[in-house]
Amino acid sequence: MTGALLAAVLAVPLPAAEPRPEPVRCPQGAADCEAVSGRIVFVERVDPDGDGDLHVVVTAGSITGPGLTAIDVRKGLRPKRDPSIGDRASAAGPVQTGSYGQQQIHALRFRVER
């Protein structure tokens, strides 16, 4: 998976002027909350456990790996149209351990800019 993710990151062209979504902030009182904004390099639209979550990885922060943060977006917080690789996203929420043992943001707030 690491090789495929790295290949996806390197394949995303960077425009001269990037649109940036309005950054989201952690809700007041949210424990272990982190906020990130970055370009989406991986999208998992169909969650293997079937609960309807959306998973994205952005080139921001270093919560999951150097320069990368995975974001778990619950079904009720998903945008009307799923984001695509190259879109920019902003998310905030507590850092939790994912199903593969990775650290990720469990989004309480999520915004996408296409």
Protein backbone atom coordinates (compact mmCIF):
# COMPACT_ATOMS: atom_id res chain seq x y z
CA MET A 1 0.00 0.00 0.00
CA THR A 2 2.84 2.43 0.76
CA GLY A 3 4.22 2.17 -2.78
CA ALA A 4 0.83 2.76 -4.37
CA LEU A 5 0.16 5.72 -2.09
CA LEU A 6 3.55 7.25 -2.89
CA ALA A 7 2.92 6.78 -6.62
CA ALA A 8 -0.47 8.51 -6.24
CA VAL A 9 1.12 11.44 -4.38
CA LEU A 10 3.79 11.89 -7.04
CA ALA A 11 1.25 11.68 -9.89
CA VAL A 12 -0.85 14.63 -8.71
CA PRO A 13 0.05 17.75 -10.74
CA LEU A 14 0.37 20.94 -8.73
CA PRO A 15 -1.15 24.07 -10.31
CA ALA A 16 0.55 27.44 -9.90
CA ALA A 17 -2.29 28.93 -7.83
CA GLU A 18 -4.11 26.40 -5.68
CA PRO A 19 -7.66 27.00 -4.47
CA ARG A 20 -7.80 26.41 -0.74
CA PRO A 21 -10.92 25.54 1.20
CA GLU A 22 -11.74 27.68 4.18
CA PRO A 23 -9.80 25.88 6.95
CA VAL A 24 -11.96 24.17 9.53
CA ARG A 25 -11.09 24.37 13.21
CA CYS A 26 -11.48 21.94 16.05
CA PRO A 27 -14.73 22.30 17.98
CA GLN A 28 -14.24 23.88 21.36
CA GLY A 29 -13.51 21.23 23.98
CA ALA A 30 -12.74 18.43 21.49
CA ALA A 31 -10.06 16.21 23.04
CA ASP A 32 -6.97 15.22 21.03
CA CYS A 33 -8.27 17.29 18.12
CA GLU A 34 -6.12 18.13 15.11
CA ALA A 35 -6.94 20.16 11.99
CA VAL A 36 -5.38 19.80 8.52
CA SER A 37 -5.88 21.29 5.05
CA GLY A 38 -4.27 19.78 1.97
CA ARG A 39 -4.55 18.18 -1.44
CA ILE A 40 -6.33 14.82 -1.65
CA VAL A 41 -4.05 12.04 -2.93
CA PHE A 42 -6.20 8.98 -2.10
CA VAL A 43 -9.97 8.40 -1.92
CA GLU A 44 -11.76 5.29 -0.63
CA ARG A 45 -15.42 5.78 -1.53
CA VAL A 46 -16.64 2.33 -0.45
CA ASP A 47 -15.74 1.49 3.12
CA PRO A 48 -14.87 -2.22 3.53
CA ASP A 49 -16.80 -2.49 6.83
CA GLY A 50 -19.97 -1.18 5.17
CA ASP A 51 -20.77 1.69 7.55
CA GLY A 52 -20.77 4.29 4.76
CA ASP A 53 -17.70 6.24 5.81
CA LEU A 54 -15.52 8.06 3.29
CA HIS A 55 -11.76 7.86 3.69
CA VAL A 56 -9.29 10.31 2.15
CA VAL A 57 -5.58 10.95 2.51
CA VAL A 58 -4.27 14.51 2.19
CA THR A 59 -0.79 15.96 1.80
CA ALA A 60 -0.86 17.85 5.06
CA GLY A 61 0.30 17.35 8.60
CA SER A 62 2.14 14.17 9.49
CA ILE A 63 -0.46 12.32 11.53
CA THR A 64 -0.47 9.12 9.44
CA GLY A 65 2.98 9.38 7.89
CA PRO A 66 5.52 12.04 6.91
CA GLY A 67 3.49 14.79 5.21
CA LEU A 68 0.33 12.67 5.01
CA THR A 69 -2.86 12.51 7.04
CA ALA A 70 -5.70 10.01 6.64
CA ILE A 71 -9.20 11.32 7.35
CA ASP A 72 -12.22 9.18 8.26
CA VAL A 73 -15.43 11.03 7.31
CA ARG A 74 -18.61 9.55 8.79
CA LYS A 75 -21.62 8.97 6.55
CA GLY A 76 -23.58 11.98 7.85
CA LEU A 77 -20.66 14.33 7.16
CA ARG A 78 -19.95 13.16 3.59
CA PRO A 79 -20.34 15.88 0.94
CA LYS A 80 -23.10 15.48 -1.68
CA ARG A 81 -20.46 14.55 -4.24
CA ASP A 82 -17.45 12.52 -3.14
CA PRO A 83 -14.14 14.34 -3.58
CA SER A 84 -11.59 13.32 -6.20
CA ILE A 85 -7.83 13.05 -6.20
CA GLY A 86 -6.43 16.55 -6.62
CA ASP A 87 -9.27 18.29 -4.74
CA ARG A 88 -8.34 20.11 -1.57
CA ALA A 89 -9.85 19.20 1.78
CA SER A 90 -9.89 20.63 5.27
CA ALA A 91 -10.79 18.48 8.28
CA ALA A 92 -10.75 18.66 12.06
CA GLY A 93 -11.37 16.01 14.67
CA PRO A 94 -9.79 13.73 17.23
CA VAL A 95 -6.83 11.56 16.28
CA GLN A 96 -7.75 7.89 16.50
CA THR A 97 -6.25 4.57 15.48
CA GLY A 98 -7.68 3.18 12.23
CA SER A 99 -8.41 -0.43 11.30
CA TYR A 100 -4.88 -0.94 9.95
CA GLY A 101 -3.23 0.53 13.06
CA GLN A 102 -2.62 3.92 11.42
CA GLN A 103 -3.24 7.23 13.15
CA GLN A 104 -5.98 9.25 11.43
CA ILE A 105 -8.37 12.13 11.99
CA HIS A 106 -11.94 11.08 12.75
CA ALA A 107 -13.55 14.16 11.18
CA LEU A 108 -16.02 16.21 13.18
CA ARG A 109 -15.80 18.90 10.50
CA PHE A 110 -14.96 18.35 6.82
CA ARG A 111 -14.88 20.70 3.82
CA VAL A 112 -13.82 20.11 0.18
CA GLU A 113 -12.81 22.57 -2.55
CA ARG A 114 -12.84 21.21 -6.10
